[in-house]
């Protein structure tokens, strides 16, 4: 069931991204004196259908978990660093909470990754569509500076975990933990946010690996590889204060990969739990 839950979360993210992408303004075609003027507006006028499908997915799978989870002896859980409380699927409010809150964590990870992509997005003319896509994912926040969008993603993560902890307490999942942690759960929120940041770190490692690959292997002039190259260069800018190039070898991507890999090992639930204790 865990693999099915992950697939449904991924499908939910695709529905969300499709909804936001559908709100992008339609690109302006070349002026044509002959013929009607093309209709203006968003790319997909009925993009809200994707949002309705997402809501139906979250509610529908909660019903599915409630009906079939007990028979499959499936007891889902969520990691809270100091504990991993279980959500008994035979109780519908808990199945619904698990369906929504677990998807919320995937959403936070998505927006941390989008915030990183906003920070390193290319400014070249070939990346106009890519910048428009990223702007559409943030809605009206896409008009703000990149650092403000990163702050919005961070605020989203903090807000989600605050709601998450209170919701669990409200449906009786974490009431038995009150004495064990002194009744105060807010100190766990920074650690939970750090766990969410691992998605950004994994994306950094992926971008750096693709940048390295594109540096030594020519894949053509496709827009994707141009975007990877420009994004990788912008990602490495903080390291350029030191000379990392020796002859024809640039060690900056390797150093950045090493740092990112070290952070991914440090930001594990066991390490964060040790820090909280």
C-alpha atoms as a PDB file:
ATOM      1  CA  UNK A   1       0.000   0.000   0.000  1.00  0.00           C
ATOM      2  CA  UNK A   2       2.884   2.370   0.630  1.00  0.00           C
ATOM      3  CA  UNK A   3       3.947   2.226  -3.010  1.00  0.00           C
ATOM      4  CA  UNK A   4       0.370   2.930  -4.110  1.00  0.00           C
ATOM      5  CA  UNK A   5       0.207   5.872  -1.725  1.00  0.00           C
ATOM      6  CA  UNK A   6       3.425   7.308  -3.184  1.00  0.00           C
ATOM      7  CA  UNK A   7       2.129   6.915  -6.737  1.00  0.00           C
ATOM      8  CA  UNK A   8      -1.096   8.719  -5.806  1.00  0.00           C
ATOM      9  CA  UNK A   9       0.889  11.528  -4.180  1.00  0.00           C
ATOM     10  CA  UNK A  10       2.914  11.885  -7.367  1.00  0.00           C
ATOM     11  CA  UNK A  11      -0.298  11.928  -9.414  1.00  0.00           C
ATOM     12  CA  UNK A  12      -1.632  14.632  -7.087  1.00  0.00           C
ATOM     13  CA  UNK A  13       1.460  16.761  -7.660  1.00  0.00           C
ATOM     14  CA  UNK A  14       1.058  16.395 -11.415  1.00  0.00           C
ATOM     15  CA  UNK A  15      -2.564  17.535 -11.137  1.00  0.00           C
ATOM     16  CA  UNK A  16      -1.505  20.553  -9.076  1.00  0.00           C
ATOM     17  CA  UNK A  17       1.269  21.484 -11.511  1.00  0.00           C
ATOM     18  CA  UNK A  18      -1.143  21.057 -14.435  1.00  0.00           C
ATOM     19  CA  UNK A  19      -3.630  23.391 -12.753  1.00  0.00           C
ATOM     20  CA  UNK A  20      -1.011  26.050 -12.144  1.00  0.00           C
ATOM     21  CA  UNK A  21       0.477  25.624 -15.636  1.00  0.00           C
ATOM     22  CA  UNK A  22      -2.939  26.109 -17.170  1.00  0.00           C
ATOM     23  CA  UNK A  23      -3.076  29.611 -15.701  1.00  0.00           C
ATOM     24  CA  UNK A  24      -0.039  30.748 -17.729  1.00  0.00           C
ATOM     25  CA  UNK A  25      -0.892  33.513 -20.214  1.00  0.00           C
ATOM     26  CA  UNK A  26      -1.099  32.374 -23.791  1.00  0.00           C
ATOM     27  CA  UNK A  27       2.059  33.220 -25.723  1.00  0.00           C
ATOM     28  CA  UNK A  28       1.800  36.028 -28.254  1.00  0.00           C
ATOM     29  CA  UNK A  29       2.069  34.710 -31.842  1.00  0.00           C
ATOM     30  CA  UNK A  30       3.774  36.762 -34.560  1.00  0.00           C
ATOM     31  CA  UNK A  31       1.618  39.571 -35.862  1.00  0.00           C
ATOM     32  CA  UNK A  32      -0.414  38.556 -38.848  1.00  0.00           C
ATOM     33  CA  UNK A  33      -2.286  41.223 -40.799  1.00  0.00           C
ATOM     34  CA  UNK A  34      -4.480  38.618 -42.454  1.00  0.00           C
ATOM     35  CA  UNK A  35      -6.858  36.532 -40.407  1.00  0.00           C
ATOM     36  CA  UNK A  36      -8.533  36.927 -37.018  1.00  0.00           C
ATOM     37  CA  UNK A  37      -6.698  38.063 -33.914  1.00  0.00           C
ATOM     38  CA  UNK A  38      -5.833  35.063 -31.700  1.00  0.00           C
ATOM     39  CA  UNK A  39      -7.810  34.757 -28.472  1.00  0.00           C
ATOM     40  CA  UNK A  40      -5.943  35.997 -25.412  1.00  0.00           C
ATOM     41  CA  UNK A  41      -6.104  34.553 -21.926  1.00  0.00           C
ATOM     42  CA  UNK A  42      -4.651  31.583 -20.057  1.00  0.00           C
ATOM     43  CA  UNK A  43      -3.201  28.514 -21.772  1.00  0.00           C
ATOM     44  CA  UNK A  44      -6.097  26.351 -20.578  1.00  0.00           C
ATOM     45  CA  UNK A  45      -9.313  28.158 -19.735  1.00  0.00           C
ATOM     46  CA  UNK A  46     -10.690  25.235 -17.674  1.00  0.00           C
ATOM     47  CA  UNK A  47      -7.552  24.466 -15.700  1.00  0.00           C
ATOM     48  CA  UNK A  48      -9.586  24.468 -12.477  1.00  0.00           C
ATOM     49  CA  UNK A  49     -10.759  20.976 -13.491  1.00  0.00           C
ATOM     50  CA  UNK A  50      -7.330  19.681 -12.468  1.00  0.00           C
ATOM     51  CA  UNK A  51      -7.817  21.201  -9.025  1.00  0.00           C
ATOM     52  CA  UNK A  52     -11.187  19.472  -8.666  1.00  0.00           C
ATOM     53  CA  UNK A  53      -9.572  16.197  -9.722  1.00  0.00           C
ATOM     54  CA  UNK A  54      -6.910  16.675  -7.047  1.00  0.00           C
ATOM     55  CA  UNK A  55      -9.534  17.251  -4.343  1.00  0.00           C
ATOM     56  CA  UNK A  56     -11.418  14.186  -5.539  1.00  0.00           C
ATOM     57  CA  UNK A  57      -8.199  12.172  -5.421  1.00  0.00           C
ATOM     58  CA  UNK A  58      -7.422  13.175  -1.833  1.00  0.00           C
ATOM     59  CA  UNK A  59     -10.951  12.477  -0.636  1.00  0.00           C
ATOM     60  CA  UNK A  60     -11.404   9.318  -2.704  1.00  0.00           C
ATOM     61  CA  UNK A  61      -8.245   7.643  -1.525  1.00  0.00           C
ATOM     62  CA  UNK A  62      -9.170   8.403   2.101  1.00  0.00           C
ATOM     63  CA  UNK A  63     -12.371   6.415   1.523  1.00  0.00           C
ATOM     64  CA  UNK A  64     -10.340   3.648  -0.149  1.00  0.00           C
ATOM     65  CA  UNK A  65      -7.887   3.502   2.766  1.00  0.00           C
ATOM     66  CA  UNK A  66     -10.769   3.395   5.237  1.00  0.00           C
ATOM     67  CA  UNK A  67     -12.489   0.543   3.396  1.00  0.00           C
ATOM     68  CA  UNK A  68      -9.547  -1.645   2.407  1.00  0.00           C
ATOM     69  CA  UNK A  69      -6.668  -0.617   4.674  1.00  0.00           C
ATOM     70  CA  UNK A  70      -7.778  -2.642   7.718  1.00  0.00           C
ATOM     71  CA  UNK A  71      -8.216  -5.797   5.638  1.00  0.00           C
ATOM     72  CA  UNK A  72      -4.689  -5.430   4.289  1.00  0.00           C
ATOM     73  CA  UNK A  73      -3.252  -4.860   7.788  1.00  0.00           C
ATOM     74  CA  UNK A  74      -1.933  -1.498   6.608  1.00  0.00           C
ATOM     75  CA  UNK A  75      -1.285   1.085   9.308  1.00  0.00           C
ATOM     76  CA  UNK A  76       0.218   4.223   7.774  1.00  0.00           C
ATOM     77  CA  UNK A  77       2.518   6.468   9.781  1.00  0.00           C
ATOM     78  CA  UNK A  78       4.207   9.861   9.448  1.00  0.00           C
ATOM     79  CA  UNK A  79       7.660  10.767  10.685  1.00  0.00           C
ATOM     80  CA  UNK A  80       7.696  13.524  13.329  1.00  0.00           C
ATOM     81  CA  UNK A  81      11.444  13.202  14.052  1.00  0.00           C
ATOM     82  CA  UNK A  82      10.935  12.229  17.700  1.00  0.00           C
ATOM     83  CA  UNK A  83       8.122   9.833  16.919  1.00  0.00           C
ATOM     84  CA  UNK A  84       6.246   8.222  14.025  1.00  0.00           C
ATOM     85  CA  UNK A  85       2.564   8.173  15.035  1.00  0.00           C
ATOM     86  CA  UNK A  86       0.265   5.727  13.282  1.00  0.00           C
ATOM     87  CA  UNK A  87      -2.953   6.614  11.472  1.00  0.00           C
ATOM     88  CA  UNK A  88      -5.449   3.776  11.906  1.00  0.00           C
ATOM     89  CA  UNK A  89      -7.193   3.548   8.563  1.00  0.00           C
ATOM     90  CA  UNK A  90     -10.325   1.970  10.088  1.00  0.00           C
ATOM     91  CA  UNK A  91     -11.155   5.414  11.520  1.00  0.00           C
ATOM     92  CA  UNK A  92     -12.143   7.678   8.615  1.00  0.00           C
ATOM     93  CA  UNK A  93     -11.084  11.050  10.154  1.00  0.00           C
ATOM     94  CA  UNK A  94      -7.574   9.632  10.574  1.00  0.00           C
ATOM     95  CA  UNK A  95      -7.536   8.186   7.054  1.00  0.00           C
ATOM     96  CA  UNK A  96      -8.599  11.585   5.703  1.00  0.00           C
ATOM     97  CA  UNK A  97      -5.969  13.371   7.796  1.00  0.00           C
ATOM     98  CA  UNK A  98      -3.261  11.026   6.521  1.00  0.00           C
ATOM     99  CA  UNK A  99      -4.363  11.498   2.909  1.00  0.00           C
ATOM    100  CA  UNK A 100      -4.250  15.307   3.122  1.00  0.00           C
ATOM    101  CA  UNK A 101      -1.259  15.795   5.430  1.00  0.00           C
ATOM    102  CA  UNK A 102       1.014  13.358   3.625  1.00  0.00           C
ATOM    103  CA  UNK A 103       0.220  15.064   0.330  1.00  0.00           C
ATOM    104  CA  UNK A 104       0.913  18.404   2.002  1.00  0.00           C
ATOM    105  CA  UNK A 105       4.442  17.234   2.754  1.00  0.00           C
ATOM    106  CA  UNK A 106       4.970  16.374  -0.894  1.00  0.00           C
ATOM    107  CA  UNK A 107       3.666  19.834  -1.797  1.00  0.00           C
ATOM    108  CA  UNK A 108       6.157  21.479   0.547  1.00  0.00           C
ATOM    109  CA  UNK A 109       8.989  19.475  -1.008  1.00  0.00           C
ATOM    110  CA  UNK A 110       7.780  20.509  -4.479  1.00  0.00           C
ATOM    111  CA  UNK A 111       7.761  24.206  -3.601  1.00  0.00           C
ATOM    112  CA  UNK A 112      11.192  24.048  -2.024  1.00  0.00           C
ATOM    113  CA  UNK A 113      12.430  22.620  -5.323  1.00  0.00           C
ATOM    114  CA  UNK A 114      10.547  25.268  -7.308  1.00  0.00           C
ATOM    115  CA  UNK A 115      12.050  27.986  -5.092  1.00  0.00           C
ATOM    116  CA  UNK A 116      15.525  26.664  -5.888  1.00  0.00           C
ATOM    117  CA  UNK A 117      14.747  26.655  -9.602  1.00  0.00           C
ATOM    118  CA  UNK A 118      13.527  30.249  -9.332  1.00  0.00           C
ATOM    119  CA  UNK A 119      16.830  31.238  -7.726  1.00  0.00           C
ATOM    120  CA  UNK A 120      18.941  29.682 -10.495  1.00  0.00           C
ATOM    121  CA  UNK A 121      16.620  30.218 -13.463  1.00  0.00           C
ATOM    122  CA  UNK A 122      18.415  31.430 -16.628  1.00  0.00           C
ATOM    123  CA  UNK A 123      17.812  34.955 -17.876  1.00  0.00           C
ATOM    124  CA  UNK A 124      18.424  34.097 -21.535  1.00  0.00           C
ATOM    125  CA  UNK A 125      15.755  34.527 -24.210  1.00  0.00           C
ATOM    126  CA  UNK A 126      15.649  30.753 -24.786  1.00  0.00           C
ATOM    127  CA  UNK A 127      14.330  30.231 -21.232  1.00  0.00           C
ATOM    128  CA  UNK A 128      11.281  32.506 -21.486  1.00  0.00           C
ATOM    129  CA  UNK A 129       8.839  29.591 -21.346  1.00  0.00           C
ATOM    130  CA  UNK A 130      10.684  28.071 -18.383  1.00  0.00           C
ATOM    131  CA  UNK A 131      10.498  31.329 -16.438  1.00  0.00           C
ATOM    132  CA  UNK A 132       6.810  31.606 -17.275  1.00  0.00           C
ATOM    133  CA  UNK A 133       6.230  28.069 -15.992  1.00  0.00           C
ATOM    134  CA  UNK A 134       7.950  28.811 -12.680  1.00  0.00           C
ATOM    135  CA  UNK A 135       6.062  32.073 -12.285  1.00  0.00           C
ATOM    136  CA  UNK A 136       2.742  30.296 -12.874  1.00  0.00           C
ATOM    137  CA  UNK A 137       3.498  27.750 -10.120  1.00  0.00           C
ATOM    138  CA  UNK A 138       3.757  30.565  -7.554  1.00  0.00           C
ATOM    139  CA  UNK A 139       0.727  32.498  -8.816  1.00  0.00           C
ATOM    140  CA  UNK A 140       0.763  36.169  -7.819  1.00  0.00           C
ATOM    141  CA  UNK A 141       3.820  35.469  -5.667  1.00  0.00           C
ATOM    142  CA  UNK A 142       5.667  34.839  -8.924  1.00  0.00           C
ATOM    143  CA  UNK A 143       5.894  38.631  -9.377  1.00  0.00           C
ATOM    144  CA  UNK A 144       7.990  38.924  -6.213  1.00  0.00           C
ATOM    145  CA  UNK A 145      11.803  38.701  -6.093  1.00  0.00           C
ATOM    146  CA  UNK A 146      13.265  35.158  -5.940  1.00  0.00           C
ATOM    147  CA  UNK A 147      14.232  35.470  -2.261  1.00  0.00           C
ATOM    148  CA  UNK A 148      10.658  36.442  -1.399  1.00  0.00           C
ATOM    149  CA  UNK A 149       9.397  33.327  -3.183  1.00  0.00           C
ATOM    150  CA  UNK A 150      11.871  31.232  -1.170  1.00  0.00           C
ATOM    151  CA  UNK A 151      10.553  32.864   1.998  1.00  0.00           C
ATOM    152  CA  UNK A 152       6.999  32.004   0.876  1.00  0.00           C
ATOM    153  CA  UNK A 153       7.983  28.335   0.439  1.00  0.00           C
ATOM    154  CA  UNK A 154       9.539  28.360   3.912  1.00  0.00           C
ATOM    155  CA  UNK A 155       6.419  29.957   5.413  1.00  0.00           C
ATOM    156  CA  UNK A 156       4.315  27.308   3.664  1.00  0.00           C
ATOM    157  CA  UNK A 157       6.401  24.552   5.284  1.00  0.00           C
ATOM    158  CA  UNK A 158       6.145  26.084   8.767  1.00  0.00           C
ATOM    159  CA  UNK A 159       2.400  26.606   8.400  1.00  0.00           C
ATOM    160  CA  UNK A 160       1.806  23.078   7.161  1.00  0.00           C
ATOM    161  CA  UNK A 161       3.671  21.479  10.057  1.00  0.00           C
ATOM    162  CA  UNK A 162       1.895  23.689  12.596  1.00  0.00           C
ATOM    163  CA  UNK A 163      -1.475  22.615  11.165  1.00  0.00           C
ATOM    164  CA  UNK A 164      -0.252  19.029  10.934  1.00  0.00           C
ATOM    165  CA  UNK A 165       0.670  18.815  14.612  1.00  0.00           C
ATOM    166  CA  UNK A 166      -2.574  20.425  15.771  1.00  0.00           C
ATOM    167  CA  UNK A 167      -4.688  18.232  13.487  1.00  0.00           C
ATOM    168  CA  UNK A 168      -3.059  15.104  14.854  1.00  0.00           C
ATOM    169  CA  UNK A 169      -3.729  16.277  18.372  1.00  0.00           C
ATOM    170  CA  UNK A 170      -7.341  17.058  17.487  1.00  0.00           C
ATOM    171  CA  UNK A 171      -8.097  13.541  16.226  1.00  0.00           C
ATOM    172  CA  UNK A 172      -6.347  11.883  19.145  1.00  0.00           C
ATOM    173  CA  UNK A 173      -3.297  10.545  17.344  1.00  0.00           C
ATOM    174  CA  UNK A 174      -0.715  12.298  19.485  1.00  0.00           C
ATOM    175  CA  UNK A 175      -2.487  12.758  22.804  1.00  0.00           C
ATOM    176  CA  UNK A 176      -0.595   9.790  24.261  1.00  0.00           C
ATOM    177  CA  UNK A 177       2.680  11.601  23.491  1.00  0.00           C
ATOM    178  CA  UNK A 178       1.915  14.732  25.521  1.00  0.00           C
ATOM    179  CA  UNK A 179       3.652  13.590  28.708  1.00  0.00           C
ATOM    180  CA  UNK A 180       6.635  12.186  26.797  1.00  0.00           C
ATOM    181  CA  UNK A 181       7.529  15.514  25.178  1.00  0.00           C
ATOM    182  CA  UNK A 182       6.161  17.869  27.796  1.00  0.00           C
ATOM    183  CA  UNK A 183       3.073  18.807  25.817  1.00  0.00           C
ATOM    184  CA  UNK A 184       5.017  21.180  23.582  1.00  0.00           C
ATOM    185  CA  UNK A 185       5.339  20.161  19.940  1.00  0.00           C
ATOM    186  CA  UNK A 186       6.383  23.428  18.306  1.00  0.00           C
ATOM    187  CA  UNK A 187      10.078  22.755  18.883  1.00  0.00           C
ATOM    188  CA  UNK A 188       9.822  19.948  16.324  1.00  0.00           C
ATOM    189  CA  UNK A 189       8.761  22.261  13.485  1.00  0.00           C
ATOM    190  CA  UNK A 190      12.299  23.478  12.573  1.00  0.00           C
ATOM    191  CA  UNK A 191      13.490  19.868  12.399  1.00  0.00           C
ATOM    192  CA  UNK A 192      10.533  18.913  10.186  1.00  0.00           C
ATOM    193  CA  UNK A 193      11.309  21.836   7.872  1.00  0.00           C
ATOM    194  CA  UNK A 194      14.934  20.661   7.647  1.00  0.00           C
ATOM    195  CA  UNK A 195      13.673  17.234   6.608  1.00  0.00           C
ATOM    196  CA  UNK A 196      11.629  18.874   3.867  1.00  0.00           C
ATOM    197  CA  UNK A 197      14.735  20.717   2.663  1.00  0.00           C
ATOM    198  CA  UNK A 198      16.271  17.389   1.682  1.00  0.00           C
ATOM    199  CA  UNK A 199      14.189  17.532  -1.505  1.00  0.00           C
ATOM    200  CA  UNK A 200      15.980  20.756  -2.449  1.00  0.00           C
ATOM    201  CA  UNK A 201      19.345  19.170  -1.684  1.00  0.00           C
ATOM    202  CA  UNK A 202      18.554  16.174  -3.876  1.00  0.00           C
ATOM    203  CA  UNK A 203      17.563  18.547  -6.680  1.00  0.00           C
ATOM    204  CA  UNK A 204      20.843  20.432  -6.268  1.00  0.00           C
ATOM    205  CA  UNK A 205      22.737  17.156  -6.608  1.00  0.00           C
ATOM    206  CA  UNK A 206      20.724  16.265  -9.720  1.00  0.00           C
ATOM    207  CA  UNK A 207      21.349  19.666 -11.355  1.00  0.00           C
ATOM    208  CA  UNK A 208      25.064  19.481 -10.582  1.00  0.00           C
ATOM    209  CA  UNK A 209      25.308  15.947 -11.956  1.00  0.00           C
ATOM    210  CA  UNK A 210      23.560  17.001 -15.182  1.00  0.00           C
ATOM    211  CA  UNK A 211      25.761  20.094 -15.395  1.00  0.00           C
ATOM    212  CA  UNK A 212      28.893  17.951 -15.061  1.00  0.00           C
ATOM    213  CA  UNK A 213      27.614  15.494 -17.651  1.00  0.00           C
ATOM    214  CA  UNK A 214      26.794  18.295 -20.086  1.00  0.00           C
ATOM    215  CA  UNK A 215      30.254  19.804 -19.536  1.00  0.00           C
ATOM    216  CA  UNK A 216      32.027  16.730 -20.876  1.00  0.00           C
ATOM    217  CA  UNK A 217      29.466  15.247 -23.277  1.00  0.00           C
ATOM    218  CA  UNK A 218      27.822  17.268 -26.039  1.00  0.00           C
ATOM    219  CA  UNK A 219      24.091  16.563 -26.257  1.00  0.00           C
ATOM    220  CA  UNK A 220      23.244  19.199 -28.861  1.00  0.00           C
ATOM    221  CA  UNK A 221      21.675  22.622 -28.601  1.00  0.00           C
ATOM    222  CA  UNK A 222      18.349  21.629 -27.093  1.00  0.00           C
ATOM    223  CA  UNK A 223      16.721  24.155 -24.775  1.00  0.00           C
ATOM    224  CA  UNK A 224      16.779  21.645 -21.899  1.00  0.00           C
ATOM    225  CA  UNK A 225      20.572  21.344 -21.868  1.00  0.00           C
ATOM    226  CA  UNK A 226      20.998  25.092 -22.290  1.00  0.00           C
ATOM    227  CA  UNK A 227      18.792  25.593 -19.232  1.00  0.00           C
ATOM    228  CA  UNK A 228      20.758  22.971 -17.286  1.00  0.00           C
ATOM    229  CA  UNK A 229      24.033  24.658 -18.208  1.00  0.00           C
ATOM    230  CA  UNK A 230      22.889  28.148 -17.223  1.00  0.00           C
ATOM    231  CA  UNK A 231      21.224  26.917 -14.020  1.00  0.00           C
ATOM    232  CA  UNK A 232      24.350  24.996 -13.034  1.00  0.00           C
ATOM    233  CA  UNK A 233      26.528  28.060 -13.530  1.00  0.00           C
ATOM    234  CA  UNK A 234      24.233  30.203 -11.386  1.00  0.00           C
ATOM    235  CA  UNK A 235      24.132  27.469  -8.746  1.00  0.00           C
ATOM    236  CA  UNK A 236      27.925  27.476  -8.540  1.00  0.00           C
ATOM    237  CA  UNK A 237      28.267  31.263  -8.271  1.00  0.00           C
ATOM    238  CA  UNK A 238      28.704  31.264  -4.446  1.00  0.00           C
ATOM    239  CA  UNK A 239      31.765  29.018  -4.834  1.00  0.00           C
ATOM    240  CA  UNK A 240      33.411  31.238  -7.456  1.00  0.00           C
ATOM    241  CA  UNK A 241      34.925  33.455  -4.776  1.00  0.00           C
ATOM    242  CA  UNK A 242      37.696  30.840  -4.644  1.00  0.00           C
ATOM    243  CA  UNK A 243      39.709  29.533  -7.608  1.00  0.00           C
ATOM    244  CA  UNK A 244      38.563  25.987  -8.291  1.00  0.00           C
ATOM    245  CA  UNK A 245      39.875  25.630 -11.836  1.00  0.00           C
ATOM    246  CA  UNK A 246      43.164  23.837 -12.505  1.00  0.00           C
ATOM    247  CA  UNK A 247      44.224  23.864 -16.127  1.00  0.00           C
ATOM    248  CA  UNK A 248      41.115  22.585 -17.921  1.00  0.00           C
ATOM    249  CA  UNK A 249      39.430  20.949 -14.909  1.00  0.00           C
ATOM    250  CA  UNK A 250      36.796  22.781 -12.874  1.00  0.00           C
ATOM    251  CA  UNK A 251      36.507  21.328  -9.375  1.00  0.00           C
ATOM    252  CA  UNK A 252      33.659  23.622  -8.269  1.00  0.00           C
ATOM    253  CA  UNK A 253      30.854  21.193  -9.277  1.00  0.00           C
ATOM    254  CA  UNK A 254      32.615  18.339  -7.471  1.00  0.00           C
ATOM    255  CA  UNK A 255      33.043  20.431  -4.318  1.00  0.00           C
ATOM    256  CA  UNK A 256      29.394  21.508  -4.469  1.00  0.00           C
ATOM    257  CA  UNK A 257      28.275  17.901  -4.949  1.00  0.00           C
ATOM    258  CA  UNK A 258      30.334  16.839  -1.949  1.00  0.00           C
ATOM    259  CA  UNK A 259      28.818  19.570   0.229  1.00  0.00           C
ATOM    260  CA  UNK A 260      25.277  18.682  -0.894  1.00  0.00           C
ATOM    261  CA  UNK A 261      25.881  14.985  -0.291  1.00  0.00           C
ATOM    262  CA  UNK A 262      27.209  15.720   3.197  1.00  0.00           C
ATOM    263  CA  UNK A 263      24.109  17.762   3.994  1.00  0.00           C
ATOM    264  CA  UNK A 264      21.860  14.951   2.753  1.00  0.00           C
ATOM    265  CA  UNK A 265      23.588  12.587   5.190  1.00  0.00           C
ATOM    266  CA  UNK A 266      23.355  15.062   8.066  1.00  0.00           C
ATOM    267  CA  UNK A 267      19.658  15.863   7.584  1.00  0.00           C
ATOM    268  CA  UNK A 268      18.313  12.429   8.486  1.00  0.00           C
ATOM    269  CA  UNK A 269      15.562  11.762  11.043  1.00  0.00           C
ATOM    270  CA  UNK A 270      17.985   9.996  13.394  1.00  0.00           C
ATOM    271  CA  UNK A 271      20.487  12.874  13.380  1.00  0.00           C
ATOM    272  CA  UNK A 272      17.795  15.517  13.836  1.00  0.00           C
ATOM    273  CA  UNK A 273      16.212  13.526  16.650  1.00  0.00           C
ATOM    274  CA  UNK A 274      19.571  13.411  18.402  1.00  0.00           C
ATOM    275  CA  UNK A 275      19.890  17.197  18.108  1.00  0.00           C
ATOM    276  CA  UNK A 276      16.388  17.727  19.535  1.00  0.00           C
ATOM    277  CA  UNK A 277      17.136  15.540  22.527  1.00  0.00           C
END
